[in-house]
Amino acid sequence: MKRVIVTGGNGFVGSAVIEELLANHTEVYAVVRPGFSSCLEHSRLYGKKVHLVECDIKQIRDLPDKMQERGFDAWYQFAWDGLRGEALTDYTTQIMNVKWVMDAILCASAMECRKFIGSGSVSQYELNTPEGRANALDKHKVYKTAKLCCEYMGSSVAADNGIEFIWPIITNIYGVGETSPRLINSMIRNLQAGKHQPLSDGNQMYDFIYISDAAKAFRRIGENGRSNRSYIIAQGKVRPLKEFLTILRDIVSPEATLGFGEMQFNGVYLPASCYDISALVDDTGFQAEVTFEEGIRRTAQWLLDKHIEN
């Protein structure tokens, strides 16, 4: 690819994708929030040779007026509002995310982008099951519905506007640079601090992928992905969650006892097929390079170093 547009490029995944694209000689236009340039040195994009274009995702329809350039290989959409706290369950926030993604597709078409690549979540698959739809205890159902809506509605809007559409499904990305409270990051921190780790039974199927491999998968989808194909962003080593977390414990704190079964699992036990990366491998040639064991070692060391610095 020669050049692309990326929204949400300052996030954990978006910045890694930008780094991967730059390493493969792709020119990147990063759409950032207004005022971002003034605090660039404190961001994940500091030092990266990208073109910064300030435009709020809420006004993304204005982007064609802010840029003269036309003709892009892909538009990567990572921007998403309300990923934490009460906003994650707020239907107004999540409905607006759907609107902004549809607006972005229209912008991509107007700016002569060949392909629009979103970022779905494996959690949206839970809504395809009777258990998931009926789960009244699921506090994140609004978010999952918005992601699913973007996939279904986006394919139609893109087709109507003459642009290829791909909605990759992210399983569980972790690694150096992540600061969120998601499972791997939190568990490593807790074990390093000597805290007891209560868990569910751990029998649900999972797959994890290291951040650099996930970025490579997104790049390859941009290069060779086929429109409206379902691509799973995972390592391709699906197994029960309990096995992954036991490996993590053995690396980070071998003496610790994990509290499997101490928490109730209120989610959906997805089948292993939800983590099938065969389409990604067949169409793009993707192969993960970082094993789970190596990824945990890198992440744990980074967290230790970061704690020392702080």
C-alpha atoms as a PDB file:
ATOM      1  CA  MET A   1       0.000   0.000   0.000  1.00  0.00           C
ATOM      2  CA  LYS A   2       1.202   3.518  -0.797  1.00  0.00           C
ATOM      3  CA  ARG A   3      -0.894   5.643   1.560  1.00  0.00           C
ATOM      4  CA  VAL A   4      -3.735   5.265   4.036  1.00  0.00           C
ATOM      5  CA  ILE A   5      -5.928   7.195   6.458  1.00  0.00           C
ATOM      6  CA  VAL A   6      -6.124   6.120  10.102  1.00  0.00           C
ATOM      7  CA  THR A   7      -8.596   7.336  12.727  1.00  0.00           C
ATOM      8  CA  GLY A   8      -7.949   6.476  16.368  1.00  0.00           C
ATOM      9  CA  GLY A   9      -4.245   6.225  15.631  1.00  0.00           C
ATOM     10  CA  ASN A  10      -3.192   7.351  19.110  1.00  0.00           C
ATOM     11  CA  GLY A  11      -4.721   4.305  20.757  1.00  0.00           C
ATOM     12  CA  PHE A  12      -2.998   1.077  21.716  1.00  0.00           C
ATOM     13  CA  VAL A  13      -3.979  -0.801  18.562  1.00  0.00           C
ATOM     14  CA  GLY A  14      -4.127   2.141  16.165  1.00  0.00           C
ATOM     15  CA  SER A  15      -0.618   3.366  16.994  1.00  0.00           C
ATOM     16  CA  ALA A  16       0.798  -0.143  16.552  1.00  0.00           C
ATOM     17  CA  VAL A  17      -0.874  -0.428  13.151  1.00  0.00           C
ATOM     18  CA  ILE A  18       0.591   2.926  12.150  1.00  0.00           C
ATOM     19  CA  GLU A  19       4.050   1.769  13.217  1.00  0.00           C
ATOM     20  CA  GLU A  20       3.627  -1.409  11.166  1.00  0.00           C
ATOM     21  CA  LEU A  21       2.459   0.545   8.122  1.00  0.00           C
ATOM     22  CA  LEU A  22       5.358   2.989   8.335  1.00  0.00           C
ATOM     23  CA  ALA A  23       7.826   0.119   8.630  1.00  0.00           C
ATOM     24  CA  ASN A  24       6.436  -1.181   5.359  1.00  0.00           C
ATOM     25  CA  HIS A  25       6.814   2.129   3.523  1.00  0.00           C
ATOM     26  CA  THR A  26       3.194   3.268   3.667  1.00  0.00           C
ATOM     27  CA  GLU A  27       2.404   6.972   3.938  1.00  0.00           C
ATOM     28  CA  VAL A  28       0.000   7.554   6.828  1.00  0.00           C
ATOM     29  CA  TYR A  29      -2.492  10.362   7.384  1.00  0.00           C
ATOM     30  CA  ALA A  30      -3.586  10.193  11.025  1.00  0.00           C
ATOM     31  CA  VAL A  31      -6.877  11.884  11.861  1.00  0.00           C
ATOM     32  CA  VAL A  32      -6.588  13.243  15.407  1.00  0.00           C
ATOM     33  CA  ARG A  33      -8.749  15.315  17.721  1.00  0.00           C
ATOM     34  CA  PRO A  34      -8.510  19.139  17.561  1.00  0.00           C
ATOM     35  CA  GLY A  35      -5.589  20.439  19.613  1.00  0.00           C
ATOM     36  CA  PHE A  36      -3.738  17.136  19.452  1.00  0.00           C
ATOM     37  CA  SER A  37      -0.678  18.631  17.759  1.00  0.00           C
ATOM     38  CA  SER A  38       0.037  20.849  20.762  1.00  0.00           C
ATOM     39  CA  CYS A  39       0.508  17.802  23.011  1.00  0.00           C
ATOM     40  CA  LEU A  40       2.058  15.466  20.438  1.00  0.00           C
ATOM     41  CA  GLU A  41       5.202  14.804  22.480  1.00  0.00           C
ATOM     42  CA  HIS A  42       3.111  13.093  25.176  1.00  0.00           C
ATOM     43  CA  SER A  43       1.291  10.846  22.719  1.00  0.00           C
ATOM     44  CA  ARG A  44       1.894   7.436  21.155  1.00  0.00           C
ATOM     45  CA  LEU A  45       2.440   9.141  17.786  1.00  0.00           C
ATOM     46  CA  TYR A  46       5.401  11.192  18.962  1.00  0.00           C
ATOM     47  CA  GLY A  47       8.401  10.635  16.717  1.00  0.00           C
ATOM     48  CA  LYS A  48       6.393   8.823  14.029  1.00  0.00           C
ATOM     49  CA  LYS A  49       6.543  10.281  10.522  1.00  0.00           C
ATOM     50  CA  VAL A  50       2.828  10.704   9.959  1.00  0.00           C
ATOM     51  CA  HIS A  51       0.698  13.500   8.543  1.00  0.00           C
ATOM     52  CA  LEU A  52      -1.537  14.791  11.336  1.00  0.00           C
ATOM     53  CA  VAL A  53      -4.993  16.027  10.352  1.00  0.00           C
ATOM     54  CA  GLU A  54      -7.053  17.519  13.168  1.00  0.00           C
ATOM     55  CA  CYS A  55     -10.731  16.640  12.917  1.00  0.00           C
ATOM     56  CA  ASP A  56     -13.089  15.481  15.649  1.00  0.00           C
ATOM     57  CA  ILE A  57     -14.668  12.114  14.887  1.00  0.00           C
ATOM     58  CA  LYS A  58     -18.022  13.763  15.619  1.00  0.00           C
ATOM     59  CA  GLN A  59     -17.426  16.063  12.648  1.00  0.00           C
ATOM     60  CA  ILE A  60     -15.742  13.496  10.431  1.00  0.00           C
ATOM     61  CA  ARG A  61     -17.936  14.556   7.505  1.00  0.00           C
ATOM     62  CA  ASP A  62     -15.812  17.741   7.408  1.00  0.00           C
ATOM     63  CA  LEU A  63     -12.613  15.807   6.681  1.00  0.00           C
ATOM     64  CA  PRO A  64     -12.763  16.061   2.852  1.00  0.00           C
ATOM     65  CA  ASP A  65     -12.726  19.845   3.239  1.00  0.00           C
ATOM     66  CA  LYS A  66      -9.671  19.698   5.501  1.00  0.00           C
ATOM     67  CA  MET A  67      -7.579  17.572   3.123  1.00  0.00           C
ATOM     68  CA  GLN A  68      -6.769  18.145  -0.533  1.00  0.00           C
ATOM     69  CA  GLU A  69      -5.320  14.667  -1.024  1.00  0.00           C
ATOM     70  CA  ARG A  70      -7.382  12.046  -2.830  1.00  0.00           C
ATOM     71  CA  GLY A  71      -6.702   8.442  -3.718  1.00  0.00           C
ATOM     72  CA  PHE A  72      -5.919   6.184  -0.741  1.00  0.00           C
ATOM     73  CA  ASP A  73      -5.447   2.451  -0.535  1.00  0.00           C
ATOM     74  CA  ALA A  74      -7.340   2.090   2.733  1.00  0.00           C
ATOM     75  CA  TRP A  75      -9.091   3.836   5.604  1.00  0.00           C
ATOM     76  CA  TYR A  76      -8.472   2.230   9.005  1.00  0.00           C
ATOM     77  CA  GLN A  77     -11.216   3.045  11.519  1.00  0.00           C
ATOM     78  CA  PHE A  78     -10.097   2.592  15.145  1.00  0.00           C
ATOM     79  CA  ALA A  79     -11.761   5.687  16.624  1.00  0.00           C
ATOM     80  CA  TRP A  80     -14.584   4.761  19.014  1.00  0.00           C
ATOM     81  CA  ASP A  81     -16.086   6.840  21.779  1.00  0.00           C
ATOM     82  CA  GLY A  82     -17.152   5.464  25.161  1.00  0.00           C
ATOM     83  CA  LEU A  83     -14.946   2.434  25.726  1.00  0.00           C
ATOM     84  CA  ARG A  84     -14.854   2.648  29.516  1.00  0.00           C
ATOM     85  CA  GLY A  85     -17.076   3.322  32.482  1.00  0.00           C
ATOM     86  CA  GLU A  86     -20.693   4.401  32.155  1.00  0.00           C
ATOM     87  CA  ALA A  87     -20.243   5.460  28.521  1.00  0.00           C
ATOM     88  CA  LEU A  88     -19.748   1.809  27.573  1.00  0.00           C
ATOM     89  CA  THR A  89     -23.340   1.091  28.548  1.00  0.00           C
ATOM     90  CA  ASP A  90     -24.828   4.397  27.395  1.00  0.00           C
ATOM     91  CA  TYR A  91     -27.001   3.746  24.350  1.00  0.00           C
ATOM     92  CA  THR A  92     -26.783   7.335  23.076  1.00  0.00           C
ATOM     93  CA  THR A  93     -22.989   7.219  22.998  1.00  0.00           C
ATOM     94  CA  GLN A  94     -22.925   3.841  21.283  1.00  0.00           C
ATOM     95  CA  ILE A  95     -25.587   4.776  18.734  1.00  0.00           C
ATOM     96  CA  MET A  96     -23.557   7.853  17.832  1.00  0.00           C
ATOM     97  CA  ASN A  97     -20.526   5.618  17.277  1.00  0.00           C
ATOM     98  CA  VAL A  98     -22.522   3.810  14.607  1.00  0.00           C
ATOM     99  CA  LYS A  99     -23.395   7.095  12.941  1.00  0.00           C
ATOM    100  CA  TRP A 100     -19.787   8.280  12.951  1.00  0.00           C
ATOM    101  CA  VAL A 101     -18.559   5.035  11.422  1.00  0.00           C
ATOM    102  CA  MET A 102     -21.171   5.359   8.652  1.00  0.00           C
ATOM    103  CA  ASP A 103     -20.096   8.982   8.138  1.00  0.00           C
ATOM    104  CA  ALA A 104     -16.487   7.806   7.913  1.00  0.00           C
ATOM    105  CA  ILE A 105     -17.414   5.341   5.173  1.00  0.00           C
ATOM    106  CA  LEU A 106     -18.993   8.166   3.190  1.00  0.00           C
ATOM    107  CA  CYS A 107     -15.842  10.262   3.689  1.00  0.00           C
ATOM    108  CA  ALA A 108     -13.634   7.380   2.611  1.00  0.00           C
ATOM    109  CA  SER A 109     -15.628   7.054  -0.587  1.00  0.00           C
ATOM    110  CA  ALA A 110     -15.518  10.810  -1.240  1.00  0.00           C
ATOM    111  CA  MET A 111     -11.746  10.816  -0.739  1.00  0.00           C
ATOM    112  CA  GLU A 112     -11.323   7.932  -3.169  1.00  0.00           C
ATOM    113  CA  CYS A 113     -10.261   5.312  -0.654  1.00  0.00           C
ATOM    114  CA  ARG A 114     -10.305   1.859  -2.167  1.00  0.00           C
ATOM    115  CA  LYS A 115     -11.058   0.008   1.059  1.00  0.00           C
ATOM    116  CA  PHE A 116     -12.618   0.717   4.472  1.00  0.00           C
ATOM    117  CA  ILE A 117     -11.328  -1.415   7.372  1.00  0.00           C
ATOM    118  CA  GLY A 118     -13.098  -1.267  10.723  1.00  0.00           C
ATOM    119  CA  SER A 119     -12.438  -2.916  14.060  1.00  0.00           C
ATOM    120  CA  GLY A 120     -15.023  -5.301  15.450  1.00  0.00           C
ATOM    121  CA  SER A 121     -15.009  -7.281  18.679  1.00  0.00           C
ATOM    122  CA  VAL A 122     -15.347 -11.009  19.240  1.00  0.00           C
ATOM    123  CA  SER A 123     -17.830 -10.109  21.967  1.00  0.00           C
ATOM    124  CA  GLN A 124     -20.349  -9.137  19.289  1.00  0.00           C
ATOM    125  CA  TYR A 125     -20.582 -12.834  18.382  1.00  0.00           C
ATOM    126  CA  GLU A 126     -22.319 -13.416  21.694  1.00  0.00           C
ATOM    127  CA  LEU A 127     -25.367 -11.665  20.258  1.00  0.00           C
ATOM    128  CA  ASN A 128     -25.586 -14.363  17.578  1.00  0.00           C
ATOM    129  CA  THR A 129     -26.367 -16.934  20.259  1.00  0.00           C
ATOM    130  CA  PRO A 130     -29.671 -17.431  22.123  1.00  0.00           C
ATOM    131  CA  GLU A 131     -27.773 -17.239  25.417  1.00  0.00           C
ATOM    132  CA  GLY A 132     -26.164 -13.939  24.493  1.00  0.00           C
ATOM    133  CA  ARG A 133     -29.382 -12.297  23.360  1.00  0.00           C
ATOM    134  CA  ALA A 134     -31.211 -13.449  26.493  1.00  0.00           C
ATOM    135  CA  ASN A 135     -28.455 -12.522  28.960  1.00  0.00           C
ATOM    136  CA  ALA A 136     -30.049  -9.810  31.099  1.00  0.00           C
ATOM    137  CA  LEU A 137     -26.876  -9.508  33.210  1.00  0.00           C
ATOM    138  CA  ASP A 138     -24.752  -8.412  30.260  1.00  0.00           C
ATOM    139  CA  LYS A 139     -23.879  -4.781  30.972  1.00  0.00           C
ATOM    140  CA  HIS A 140     -21.998  -4.440  27.680  1.00  0.00           C
ATOM    141  CA  LYS A 141     -24.798  -5.540  25.368  1.00  0.00           C
ATOM    142  CA  VAL A 142     -25.271  -1.978  24.086  1.00  0.00           C
ATOM    143  CA  TYR A 143     -21.612  -1.779  23.034  1.00  0.00           C
ATOM    144  CA  LYS A 144     -21.722  -5.209  21.388  1.00  0.00           C
ATOM    145  CA  THR A 145     -24.889  -4.300  19.518  1.00  0.00           C
ATOM    146  CA  ALA A 146     -23.257  -1.131  18.182  1.00  0.00           C
ATOM    147  CA  LYS A 147     -20.269  -3.120  16.904  1.00  0.00           C
ATOM    148  CA  LEU A 148     -22.553  -5.660  15.246  1.00  0.00           C
ATOM    149  CA  CYS A 149     -24.634  -2.861  13.740  1.00  0.00           C
ATOM    150  CA  CYS A 150     -21.517  -1.268  12.243  1.00  0.00           C
ATOM    151  CA  GLU A 151     -20.627  -4.532  10.544  1.00  0.00           C
ATOM    152  CA  TYR A 152     -24.075  -5.134   9.051  1.00  0.00           C
ATOM    153  CA  MET A 153     -24.955  -1.547   8.214  1.00  0.00           C
ATOM    154  CA  GLY A 154     -21.424  -0.652   7.120  1.00  0.00           C
ATOM    155  CA  SER A 155     -21.310  -3.317   4.431  1.00  0.00           C
ATOM    156  CA  SER A 156     -24.493  -1.899   2.907  1.00  0.00           C
ATOM    157  CA  VAL A 157     -23.420   1.758   3.107  1.00  0.00           C
ATOM    158  CA  ALA A 158     -20.031   0.905   1.619  1.00  0.00           C
ATOM    159  CA  ALA A 159     -21.587  -1.042  -1.256  1.00  0.00           C
ATOM    160  CA  ASP A 160     -23.925   1.854  -2.034  1.00  0.00           C
ATOM    161  CA  ASN A 161     -20.902   4.178  -2.199  1.00  0.00           C
ATOM    162  CA  GLY A 162     -18.578   2.014  -4.252  1.00  0.00           C
ATOM    163  CA  ILE A 163     -15.998   1.114  -1.627  1.00  0.00           C
ATOM    164  CA  GLU A 164     -14.751  -2.225  -0.338  1.00  0.00           C
ATOM    165  CA  PHE A 165     -15.676  -2.977   3.257  1.00  0.00           C
ATOM    166  CA  ILE A 166     -13.981  -5.235   5.814  1.00  0.00           C
ATOM    167  CA  TRP A 167     -14.883  -5.525   9.495  1.00  0.00           C
ATOM    168  CA  PRO A 168     -12.079  -7.538  11.167  1.00  0.00           C
ATOM    169  CA  ILE A 169     -12.964  -9.118  14.489  1.00  0.00           C
ATOM    170  CA  ILE A 170     -10.493  -8.451  17.302  1.00  0.00           C
ATOM    171  CA  THR A 171     -10.287 -11.257  19.857  1.00  0.00           C
ATOM    172  CA  ASN A 172      -7.885 -10.340  22.669  1.00  0.00           C
ATOM    173  CA  ILE A 173      -4.909  -8.116  21.889  1.00  0.00           C
ATOM    174  CA  TYR A 174      -2.288  -7.544  24.583  1.00  0.00           C
ATOM    175  CA  GLY A 175       1.319  -6.451  24.840  1.00  0.00           C
ATOM    176  CA  VAL A 176       3.849  -3.735  25.477  1.00  0.00           C
ATOM    177  CA  GLY A 177       2.232  -0.316  25.516  1.00  0.00           C
ATOM    178  CA  GLU A 178      -1.185  -1.288  26.841  1.00  0.00           C
ATOM    179  CA  THR A 179      -2.379   0.635  29.888  1.00  0.00           C
ATOM    180  CA  SER A 180      -6.014  -0.494  30.006  1.00  0.00           C
ATOM    181  CA  PRO A 181      -7.524  -2.633  32.798  1.00  0.00           C
ATOM    182  CA  ARG A 182      -8.227  -5.544  30.442  1.00  0.00           C
ATOM    183  CA  LEU A 183      -7.544  -9.106  31.616  1.00  0.00           C
ATOM    184  CA  ILE A 184      -3.921  -9.768  30.670  1.00  0.00           C
ATOM    185  CA  ASN A 185      -2.677  -6.354  31.745  1.00  0.00           C
ATOM    186  CA  SER A 186      -4.572  -6.419  35.044  1.00  0.00           C
ATOM    187  CA  MET A 187      -3.589  -9.971  35.874  1.00  0.00           C
ATOM    188  CA  ILE A 188       0.115  -9.358  35.285  1.00  0.00           C
ATOM    189  CA  ARG A 189      -0.025  -6.253  37.467  1.00  0.00           C
ATOM    190  CA  ASN A 190      -1.864  -8.075  40.235  1.00  0.00           C
ATOM    191  CA  LEU A 191       0.569 -11.000  40.252  1.00  0.00           C
ATOM    192  CA  GLN A 192       3.555  -8.672  40.243  1.00  0.00           C
ATOM    193  CA  ALA A 193       2.049  -6.888  43.255  1.00  0.00           C
ATOM    194  CA  GLY A 194       1.446 -10.169  45.069  1.00  0.00           C
ATOM    195  CA  LYS A 195      -2.335  -9.823  44.963  1.00  0.00           C
ATOM    196  CA  HIS A 196      -4.625 -12.851  44.900  1.00  0.00           C
ATOM    197  CA  GLN A 197      -6.326 -13.319  41.535  1.00  0.00           C
ATOM    198  CA  PRO A 198      -9.978 -14.498  41.707  1.00  0.00           C
ATOM    199  CA  LEU A 199     -11.214 -15.914  38.394  1.00  0.00           C
ATOM    200  CA  SER A 200     -14.117 -17.722  36.760  1.00  0.00           C
ATOM    201  CA  ASP A 201     -13.820 -21.441  36.031  1.00  0.00           C
ATOM    202  CA  GLY A 202     -11.720 -20.576  32.967  1.00  0.00           C
ATOM    203  CA  ASN A 203     -13.406 -23.110  30.700  1.00  0.00           C
ATOM    204  CA  GLN A 204     -14.443 -20.584  28.057  1.00  0.00           C
ATOM    205  CA  MET A 205     -12.490 -20.795  24.796  1.00  0.00           C
ATOM    206  CA  TYR A 206     -10.061 -17.943  24.145  1.00  0.00           C
ATOM    207  CA  ASP A 207      -7.232 -16.846  21.931  1.00  0.00           C
ATOM    208  CA  PHE A 208      -4.751 -14.034  22.517  1.00  0.00           C
ATOM    209  CA  ILE A 209      -2.567 -12.203  20.027  1.00  0.00           C
ATOM    210  CA  TYR A 210       0.456 -10.012  20.729  1.00  0.00           C
ATOM    211  CA  ILE A 211       0.155  -6.398  19.618  1.00  0.00           C
ATOM    212  CA  SER A 212       2.814  -6.489  16.872  1.00  0.00           C
ATOM    213  CA  ASP A 213       1.201  -9.557  15.312  1.00  0.00           C
ATOM    214  CA  ALA A 214      -2.220  -7.904  15.435  1.00  0.00           C
ATOM    215  CA  ALA A 215      -0.790  -4.843  13.677  1.00  0.00           C
ATOM    216  CA  LYS A 216       0.690  -7.086  10.995  1.00  0.00           C
ATOM    217  CA  ALA A 217      -2.684  -8.765  10.509  1.00  0.00           C
ATOM    218  CA  PHE A 218      -4.355  -5.399   9.947  1.00  0.00           C
ATOM    219  CA  ARG A 219      -1.670  -4.400   7.444  1.00  0.00           C
ATOM    220  CA  ARG A 220      -2.081  -7.619   5.507  1.00  0.00           C
ATOM    221  CA  ILE A 221      -5.845  -7.166   5.437  1.00  0.00           C
ATOM    222  CA  GLY A 222      -5.277  -3.741   3.917  1.00  0.00           C
ATOM    223  CA  GLU A 223      -3.018  -5.235   1.285  1.00  0.00           C
ATOM    224  CA  ASN A 224      -4.845  -8.427   0.384  1.00  0.00           C
ATOM    225  CA  GLY A 225      -8.112  -8.638   2.319  1.00  0.00           C
ATOM    226  CA  ARG A 226     -11.282  -9.279   0.338  1.00  0.00           C
ATOM    227  CA  SER A 227     -14.407  -7.182   0.715  1.00  0.00           C
ATOM    228  CA  ASN A 228     -17.042  -8.458   3.173  1.00  0.00           C
ATOM    229  CA  ARG A 229     -14.897 -11.389   4.279  1.00  0.00           C
ATOM    230  CA  SER A 230     -14.854 -12.181   7.997  1.00  0.00           C
ATOM    231  CA  TYR A 231     -11.296 -12.002   9.360  1.00  0.00           C
ATOM    232  CA  ILE A 232     -10.472 -12.945  12.938  1.00  0.00           C
ATOM    233  CA  ILE A 233      -7.512 -11.137  14.518  1.00  0.00           C
ATOM    234  CA  ALA A 234      -6.027 -13.886  16.694  1.00  0.00           C
ATOM    235  CA  GLN A 235      -2.920 -16.020  17.024  1.00  0.00           C
ATOM    236  CA  GLY A 236      -4.620 -19.202  15.885  1.00  0.00           C
ATOM    237  CA  LYS A 237      -3.927 -21.155  19.100  1.00  0.00           C
ATOM    238  CA  VAL A 238      -7.383 -21.381  20.648  1.00  0.00           C
ATOM    239  CA  ARG A 239      -7.646 -23.166  24.006  1.00  0.00           C
ATOM    240  CA  PRO A 240      -9.524 -22.817  27.320  1.00  0.00           C
ATOM    241  CA  LEU A 241      -8.812 -19.549  29.111  1.00  0.00           C
ATOM    242  CA  LYS A 242      -7.597 -21.493  32.129  1.00  0.00           C
ATOM    243  CA  GLU A 243      -4.620 -22.807  30.165  1.00  0.00           C
ATOM    244  CA  PHE A 244      -3.566 -19.325  29.023  1.00  0.00           C
ATOM    245  CA  LEU A 245      -3.796 -17.878  32.521  1.00  0.00           C
ATOM    246  CA  THR A 246      -1.876 -20.772  34.043  1.00  0.00           C
ATOM    247  CA  ILE A 247       0.947 -20.144  31.573  1.00  0.00           C
ATOM    248  CA  LEU A 248       0.861 -16.459  32.494  1.00  0.00           C
ATOM    249  CA  ARG A 249       1.046 -17.283  36.205  1.00  0.00           C
ATOM    250  CA  ASP A 250       3.955 -19.675  35.681  1.00  0.00           C
ATOM    251  CA  ILE A 251       5.929 -16.913  33.933  1.00  0.00           C
ATOM    252  CA  VAL A 252       5.066 -13.940  36.124  1.00  0.00           C
ATOM    253  CA  SER A 253       4.661 -15.461  39.589  1.00  0.00           C
ATOM    254  CA  PRO A 254       5.053 -19.274  39.711  1.00  0.00           C
ATOM    255  CA  GLU A 255       4.354 -19.445  43.441  1.00  0.00           C
ATOM    256  CA  ALA A 256       0.951 -17.749  43.142  1.00  0.00           C
ATOM    257  CA  THR A 257      -2.325 -19.663  43.419  1.00  0.00           C
ATOM    258  CA  LEU A 258      -5.015 -18.699  40.934  1.00  0.00           C
ATOM    259  CA  GLY A 259      -8.569 -18.559  42.219  1.00  0.00           C
ATOM    260  CA  PHE A 260     -10.362 -20.446  39.450  1.00  0.00           C
ATOM    261  CA  GLY A 261     -14.052 -20.749  40.192  1.00  0.00           C
ATOM    262  CA  GLU A 262     -14.106 -17.944  42.751  1.00  0.00           C
ATOM    263  CA  MET A 263     -16.049 -15.682  40.364  1.00  0.00           C
ATOM    264  CA  GLN A 264     -19.213 -16.429  38.458  1.00  0.00           C
ATOM    265  CA  PHE A 265     -18.966 -16.278  34.676  1.00  0.00           C
ATOM    266  CA  ASN A 266     -21.988 -14.434  33.303  1.00  0.00           C
ATOM    267  CA  GLY A 267     -20.923 -14.408  29.679  1.00  0.00           C
ATOM    268  CA  VAL A 268     -21.332 -16.815  26.769  1.00  0.00           C
ATOM    269  CA  TYR A 269     -19.159 -19.858  26.129  1.00  0.00           C
ATOM    270  CA  LEU A 270     -18.276 -19.190  22.482  1.00  0.00           C
ATOM    271  CA  PRO A 271     -17.203 -22.142  20.336  1.00  0.00           C
ATOM    272  CA  ALA A 272     -13.630 -22.485  19.108  1.00  0.00           C
ATOM    273  CA  SER A 273     -14.851 -21.662  15.586  1.00  0.00           C
ATOM    274  CA  CYS A 274     -15.253 -18.016  16.634  1.00  0.00           C
ATOM    275  CA  TYR A 275     -11.453 -17.823  16.803  1.00  0.00           C
ATOM    276  CA  ASP A 276     -10.780 -19.466  13.437  1.00  0.00           C
ATOM    277  CA  ILE A 277      -8.146 -17.482  11.500  1.00  0.00           C
ATOM    278  CA  SER A 278      -8.141 -19.679   8.390  1.00  0.00           C
ATOM    279  CA  ALA A 279      -9.691 -16.954   6.200  1.00  0.00           C
ATOM    280  CA  LEU A 280      -7.009 -14.496   7.340  1.00  0.00           C
ATOM    281  CA  VAL A 281      -4.257 -17.012   6.608  1.00  0.00           C
ATOM    282  CA  ASP A 282      -5.691 -18.093   3.254  1.00  0.00           C
ATOM    283  CA  ASP A 283      -6.298 -14.591   1.882  1.00  0.00           C
ATOM    284  CA  THR A 284      -3.339 -12.689   3.332  1.00  0.00           C
ATOM    285  CA  GLY A 285      -0.685 -15.257   4.263  1.00  0.00           C
ATOM    286  CA  PHE A 286      -0.683 -14.045   7.869  1.00  0.00           C
ATOM    287  CA  GLN A 287       1.330 -16.017  10.437  1.00  0.00           C
ATOM    288  CA  ALA A 288       1.788 -14.948  14.037  1.00  0.00           C
ATOM    289  CA  GLU A 289       5.405 -14.587  15.119  1.00  0.00           C
ATOM    290  CA  VAL A 290       5.211 -13.992  18.880  1.00  0.00           C
ATOM    291  CA  THR A 291       4.160 -16.936  21.044  1.00  0.00           C
ATOM    292  CA  PHE A 292       1.926 -16.334  24.039  1.00  0.00           C
ATOM    293  CA  GLU A 293       4.811 -17.197  26.359  1.00  0.00           C
ATOM    294  CA  GLU A 294       7.155 -14.690  24.716  1.00  0.00           C
ATOM    295  CA  GLY A 295       4.457 -12.038  24.598  1.00  0.00           C
ATOM    296  CA  ILE A 296       3.798 -12.399  28.319  1.00  0.00           C
ATOM    297  CA  ARG A 297       7.508 -12.118  29.102  1.00  0.00           C
ATOM    298  CA  ARG A 298       7.797  -8.914  27.071  1.00  0.00           C
ATOM    299  CA  THR A 299       4.664  -7.411  28.577  1.00  0.00           C
ATOM    300  CA  ALA A 300       5.560  -8.334  32.159  1.00  0.00           C
ATOM    301  CA  GLN A 301       9.027  -6.814  31.822  1.00  0.00           C
ATOM    302  CA  TRP A 302       7.617  -3.639  30.311  1.00  0.00           C
ATOM    303  CA  LEU A 303       5.148  -3.295  33.176  1.00  0.00           C
ATOM    304  CA  LEU A 304       7.934  -3.768  35.698  1.00  0.00           C
ATOM    305  CA  ASP A 305      10.081  -1.145  33.995  1.00  0.00           C
ATOM    306  CA  LYS A 306       7.167   1.246  33.742  1.00  0.00           C
ATOM    307  CA  HIS A 307       6.417   0.821  37.456  1.00  0.00           C
ATOM    308  CA  ILE A 308      10.066   1.593  38.310  1.00  0.00           C
ATOM    309  CA  GLU A 309       9.995   4.713  36.162  1.00  0.00           C
ATOM    310  CA  ASN A 310       6.798   5.905  37.786  1.00  0.00           C
END
